[in-house]
Amino acid sequence: ISLVSDEYDVIQIMSSSGQTSDPDHPDPSTMQIRDSLRQDASNALVVFDPRWIGLGLRVICCSETTDVKEVLLSSGYAQTEAETYRKWRTWHGIAEGAECTNMIPLEMNVEKLRGVSFNKGCYTGQELTARTHNKGMVRKRLLPVRMSATLPTTSSDNANTTEEFLLPKWLDDISESSTDISKDKIEFVNTDERSKSPGKIVAAHMSKDSSAGYGLAMIRLEEHVGVQDRFLRPGHLSANGMNVWVSHLPFWWTQ
């Protein structure tokens, strides 16, 4: 195995608005730029992200090539900024990198994101993953969460609707320079004083005034995500003085 990170670039491309408007189908303009790249940037590999089509395009190309940049420039596109991509994937409950430590694949919802096969092997952890899946005993799941110093006052702040697919305006106040709260400093505080913690924060990104935030959390499903509600309501949990709740389930979540 050779390290070739200096020879190749991986480019993330979403729609010209920075996000697609349909959770199940690619943006038509993104399909057009995919076709243009495949035609005019012959040395580039261009595919929709295999985990979920809402994550847009991934382009692998030689670092020195100019074909990709020329196609993007002529089409009015640009590489999606890292911060925009982070907000998008986090809002939709998808972890990457260091966020994935100390979890088994099913807890990270990898099987829902086309990352696990139950028909082939062998791979590290296959036996545990297959046994957990076959017994239906995934007790914890990674879910997107919201955090706020005050409880929301409108039902729209606590809805699992198609509007939750698009990034909310208040996320504009949370930038890469905002204070990030590490998983080592925050744990859920169970407000009803049960002995078992309902979960923990995996990644949290707060506004500059620390009044609101969003992130990812590992949640115990059987106790804290009810069969009827399917997601936590505001006021149920808190973390480090902040109200914490699961405002929506990811749109790629199939069951």
Protein backbone atom coordinates (compact mmCIF):
# COMPACT_ATOMS: atom_id res chain seq x y z
CA ILE A 1 0.00 0.00 0.00
CA SER A 2 1.43 3.36 -1.00
CA LEU A 3 0.46 6.83 0.21
CA VAL A 4 -0.57 8.91 -2.81
CA SER A 5 -2.29 11.86 -1.11
CA ASP A 6 0.25 14.23 -2.71
CA GLU A 7 -0.58 12.92 -6.17
CA TYR A 8 -4.40 12.91 -6.06
CA ASP A 9 -7.16 15.23 -4.83
CA VAL A 10 -10.63 14.27 -3.61
CA ILE A 11 -13.18 16.99 -4.43
CA GLN A 12 -16.67 17.30 -2.99
CA ILE A 13 -19.29 18.88 -5.27
CA MET A 14 -22.86 19.65 -4.28
CA SER A 15 -25.45 21.74 -6.11
CA SER A 16 -24.70 25.38 -6.88
CA SER A 17 -26.76 26.38 -3.83
CA GLY A 18 -24.60 24.23 -1.55
CA GLN A 19 -27.33 21.68 -0.86
CA THR A 20 -29.75 19.54 -2.81
CA SER A 21 -33.48 20.11 -2.34
CA ASP A 22 -34.65 16.50 -2.66
CA PRO A 23 -33.63 13.80 -0.16
CA ASP A 24 -34.19 10.93 -2.60
CA HIS A 25 -33.06 12.21 -6.00
CA PRO A 26 -29.96 14.03 -7.25
CA ASP A 27 -30.23 17.68 -8.15
CA PRO A 28 -30.61 17.97 -11.98
CA SER A 29 -27.80 20.52 -12.13
CA THR A 30 -25.53 18.16 -10.19
CA MET A 31 -26.26 15.41 -12.69
CA GLN A 32 -25.38 17.82 -15.48
CA ILE A 33 -22.02 18.69 -13.93
CA ARG A 34 -21.36 14.97 -13.41
CA ASP A 35 -21.92 14.30 -17.10
CA SER A 36 -19.75 17.27 -18.09
CA LEU A 37 -16.90 16.10 -15.86
CA ARG A 38 -17.09 12.57 -17.22
CA GLN A 39 -16.95 13.91 -20.78
CA ASP A 40 -14.36 16.68 -20.47
CA ALA A 41 -12.19 15.54 -17.52
CA SER A 42 -11.22 12.13 -18.83
CA ASN A 43 -8.64 11.43 -16.12
CA ALA A 44 -11.06 12.04 -13.26
CA LEU A 45 -13.25 9.48 -11.49
CA VAL A 46 -16.69 11.07 -10.90
CA VAL A 47 -19.39 9.31 -8.85
CA PHE A 48 -22.25 10.19 -6.54
CA ASP A 49 -21.30 9.51 -2.93
CA PRO A 50 -22.22 5.81 -2.50
CA ARG A 51 -23.43 6.32 1.07
CA TRP A 52 -26.31 8.64 0.22
CA ILE A 53 -27.09 10.53 -2.96
CA GLY A 54 -27.80 13.70 -0.94
CA LEU A 55 -24.07 14.02 -0.22
CA GLY A 56 -23.45 14.99 -3.83
CA LEU A 57 -20.50 14.11 -6.06
CA ARG A 58 -17.03 12.86 -5.25
CA VAL A 59 -14.28 13.50 -7.77
CA ILE A 60 -10.87 11.81 -7.61
CA CYS A 61 -8.32 13.43 -9.91
CA CYS A 62 -4.60 14.03 -10.27
CA SER A 63 -3.44 16.99 -8.19
CA GLU A 64 -1.81 18.68 -11.17
CA THR A 65 -4.75 18.36 -13.56
CA THR A 66 -6.66 21.48 -14.58
CA ASP A 67 -9.50 19.74 -16.44
CA VAL A 68 -11.78 19.50 -13.41
CA LYS A 69 -11.36 23.15 -12.40
CA GLU A 70 -11.97 24.31 -15.97
CA VAL A 71 -15.19 22.31 -16.25
CA LEU A 72 -16.41 23.60 -12.89
CA LEU A 73 -15.56 27.19 -13.79
CA SER A 74 -17.35 27.05 -17.13
CA SER A 75 -20.43 25.51 -15.46
CA GLY A 76 -20.61 28.06 -12.64
CA TYR A 77 -19.67 25.49 -10.03
CA ALA A 78 -16.94 25.28 -7.43
CA GLN A 79 -15.62 22.74 -5.00
CA THR A 80 -17.89 22.63 -1.95
CA GLU A 81 -16.20 24.25 1.04
CA ALA A 82 -15.28 21.90 3.88
CA GLU A 83 -17.40 23.82 6.39
CA THR A 84 -20.50 23.67 4.19
CA TYR A 85 -20.04 19.94 3.70
CA ARG A 86 -19.53 19.37 7.44
CA LYS A 87 -22.74 21.20 8.30
CA TRP A 88 -24.66 19.28 5.65
CA ARG A 89 -23.52 15.79 6.67
CA THR A 90 -23.76 16.47 10.41
CA TRP A 91 -27.30 17.83 10.10
CA HIS A 92 -28.15 14.60 8.33
CA GLY A 93 -26.53 12.37 10.92
CA ILE A 94 -23.46 11.13 9.05
CA ALA A 95 -20.21 10.78 10.98
CA GLU A 96 -16.70 10.79 9.56
CA GLY A 97 -13.12 10.45 10.79
CA ALA A 98 -12.49 10.77 14.51
CA GLU A 99 -16.24 10.93 15.17
CA CYS A 100 -16.40 7.20 14.39
CA THR A 101 -14.12 5.95 17.17
CA ASN A 102 -15.24 3.42 19.78
CA MET A 103 -18.36 2.38 17.84
CA ILE A 104 -19.38 -0.71 15.96
CA PRO A 105 -20.51 -0.19 12.34
CA LEU A 106 -24.23 -0.70 13.06
CA GLU A 107 -24.18 1.96 15.79
CA MET A 108 -22.93 4.40 13.15
CA ASN A 109 -25.77 3.34 10.82
CA VAL A 110 -23.24 2.11 8.28
CA GLU A 111 -25.57 -0.62 7.04
CA LYS A 112 -28.17 2.05 6.22
CA LEU A 113 -25.50 3.93 4.24
CA ARG A 114 -24.49 0.96 2.05
CA GLY A 115 -21.32 0.36 4.04
CA VAL A 116 -21.89 -3.18 5.31
CA SER A 117 -22.60 -6.39 3.43
CA PHE A 118 -24.21 -9.31 5.25
CA ASN A 119 -23.57 -11.65 2.34
CA LYS A 120 -19.80 -11.63 2.03
CA GLY A 121 -16.67 -11.78 4.15
CA CYS A 122 -14.31 -11.84 5.73
CA TYR A 123 -13.58 -8.50 7.32
CA THR A 124 -12.54 -7.38 10.78
CA GLY A 125 -15.55 -7.42 13.09
CA GLN A 126 -17.73 -9.39 10.67
CA GLU A 127 -18.90 -11.93 13.26
CA LEU A 128 -20.00 -9.29 15.78
CA THR A 129 -21.63 -7.15 13.08
CA ALA A 130 -23.57 -10.07 11.58
CA ARG A 131 -24.67 -11.40 14.97
CA THR A 132 -25.86 -7.98 16.11
CA HIS A 133 -27.80 -7.49 12.88
CA ASN A 134 -29.41 -10.94 12.88
CA LYS A 135 -30.52 -10.64 16.50
CA GLY A 136 -31.80 -7.10 16.02
CA MET A 137 -29.94 -5.94 19.09
CA VAL A 138 -28.58 -2.54 18.06
CA ARG A 139 -29.27 -0.72 21.32
CA LYS A 140 -27.57 2.55 20.40
CA ARG A 141 -27.60 4.63 17.24
CA LEU A 142 -25.81 7.77 16.10
CA LEU A 143 -28.37 10.53 15.53
CA PRO A 144 -28.30 14.26 14.72
CA VAL A 145 -29.11 16.46 17.70
CA ARG A 146 -29.89 20.08 18.37
CA MET A 147 -28.77 22.05 21.42
CA SER A 148 -30.17 25.27 22.80
CA ALA A 149 -29.95 27.33 25.96
CA THR A 150 -33.74 27.75 25.84
CA LEU A 151 -36.50 25.41 24.72
CA PRO A 152 -38.04 26.04 21.28
CA THR A 153 -41.38 27.84 21.38
CA THR A 154 -42.84 26.72 18.05
CA SER A 155 -43.78 23.29 16.79
CA SER A 156 -41.71 23.88 13.66
CA ASP A 157 -38.61 23.67 15.85
CA ASN A 158 -39.61 20.16 16.82
CA ALA A 159 -40.87 18.60 13.61
CA ASN A 160 -39.76 15.72 11.46
CA THR A 161 -40.93 17.12 8.13
CA THR A 162 -39.46 17.70 4.69
CA GLU A 163 -38.45 21.20 5.77
CA GLU A 164 -35.93 19.57 8.12
CA PHE A 165 -34.07 18.28 5.05
CA LEU A 166 -32.73 21.74 4.17
CA LEU A 167 -30.23 23.47 6.43
CA PRO A 168 -31.97 25.90 8.81
CA LYS A 169 -30.99 29.57 8.70
CA TRP A 170 -29.71 29.62 12.28
CA LEU A 171 -26.82 27.36 11.20
CA ASP A 172 -25.33 30.40 9.44
CA ASP A 173 -24.25 31.66 12.87
CA ILE A 174 -22.17 28.55 13.44
CA SER A 175 -18.88 28.78 11.60
CA GLU A 176 -15.64 26.85 11.57
CA SER A 177 -14.23 29.29 14.13
CA SER A 178 -17.06 28.62 16.57
CA THR A 179 -16.31 26.81 19.81
CA ASP A 180 -16.50 23.02 19.44
CA ILE A 181 -17.39 21.01 22.53
CA SER A 182 -15.56 17.72 22.59
CA LYS A 183 -17.16 14.39 23.48
CA ASP A 184 -14.84 14.16 26.50
CA LYS A 185 -16.44 17.23 28.10
CA ILE A 186 -20.14 16.57 27.49
CA GLU A 187 -22.40 13.74 28.48
CA PHE A 188 -26.16 13.63 28.57
CA VAL A 189 -27.72 14.30 31.94
CA ASN A 190 -30.85 12.24 32.40
CA THR A 191 -33.45 14.66 33.69
CA ASP A 192 -35.69 12.00 35.25
CA GLU A 193 -32.76 10.68 37.34
CA ARG A 194 -32.74 7.18 35.91
CA SER A 195 -29.53 5.32 36.58
CA LYS A 196 -28.59 4.65 32.96
CA SER A 197 -27.34 7.53 30.85
CA PRO A 198 -29.34 7.92 27.64
CA GLY A 199 -26.18 8.49 25.60
CA LYS A 200 -23.36 10.91 24.91
CA ILE A 201 -22.33 13.68 22.56
CA VAL A 202 -20.01 12.56 19.77
CA ALA A 203 -19.58 15.92 18.02
CA ALA A 204 -20.97 19.33 18.92
CA HIS A 205 -20.65 22.71 17.18
CA MET A 206 -21.91 25.79 18.96
CA SER A 207 -22.76 29.34 17.93
CA LYS A 208 -20.36 32.11 18.91
CA ASP A 209 -22.54 33.12 21.85
CA SER A 210 -23.04 29.45 22.85
CA SER A 211 -26.84 29.87 22.74
CA ALA A 212 -27.45 27.20 20.10
CA GLY A 213 -25.71 24.32 18.44
CA TYR A 214 -26.00 21.08 16.59
CA GLY A 215 -24.06 17.85 16.40
CA LEU A 216 -24.11 14.07 16.62
CA ALA A 217 -24.94 11.93 19.62
CA MET A 218 -25.03 8.25 20.44
CA ILE A 219 -28.56 7.58 21.75
CA ARG A 220 -29.91 4.48 23.51
CA LEU A 221 -32.86 3.61 21.29
CA GLU A 222 -35.00 1.25 23.31
CA GLU A 223 -35.30 3.59 26.27
CA HIS A 224 -35.18 7.05 24.80
CA VAL A 225 -36.47 6.86 21.23
CA GLY A 226 -40.03 5.63 21.52
CA VAL A 227 -41.78 3.47 18.96
CA GLN A 228 -44.45 6.15 18.47
CA ASP A 229 -42.38 9.34 18.51
CA ARG A 230 -39.24 7.86 16.94
CA PHE A 231 -37.29 10.89 18.11
CA LEU A 232 -36.62 12.76 21.34
CA ARG A 233 -38.58 15.84 22.32
CA PRO A 234 -37.13 19.11 23.70
CA GLY A 235 -36.93 19.28 27.48
CA HIS A 236 -36.20 15.59 27.93
CA LEU A 237 -32.42 15.78 28.16
CA SER A 238 -29.72 18.30 28.88
CA ALA A 239 -25.97 18.42 28.53
CA ASN A 240 -23.70 20.90 30.24
CA GLY A 241 -26.64 23.21 30.87
CA MET A 242 -27.95 22.99 27.31
CA ASN A 243 -31.23 21.44 26.22
CA VAL A 244 -30.53 18.56 23.85
CA TRP A 245 -32.97 16.78 21.56
CA VAL A 246 -33.24 14.78 18.34
CA SER A 247 -35.34 17.08 16.18
CA HIS A 248 -35.49 14.80 13.14
CA LEU A 249 -34.44 11.43 11.83
CA PRO A 250 -32.12 11.38 8.81
CA PHE A 251 -33.94 11.14 5.49
CA TRP A 252 -31.87 8.13 4.47
CA TRP A 253 -33.15 6.29 7.56
CA THR A 254 -35.28 3.47 6.17
CA GLN A 255 -36.66 1.94 9.37
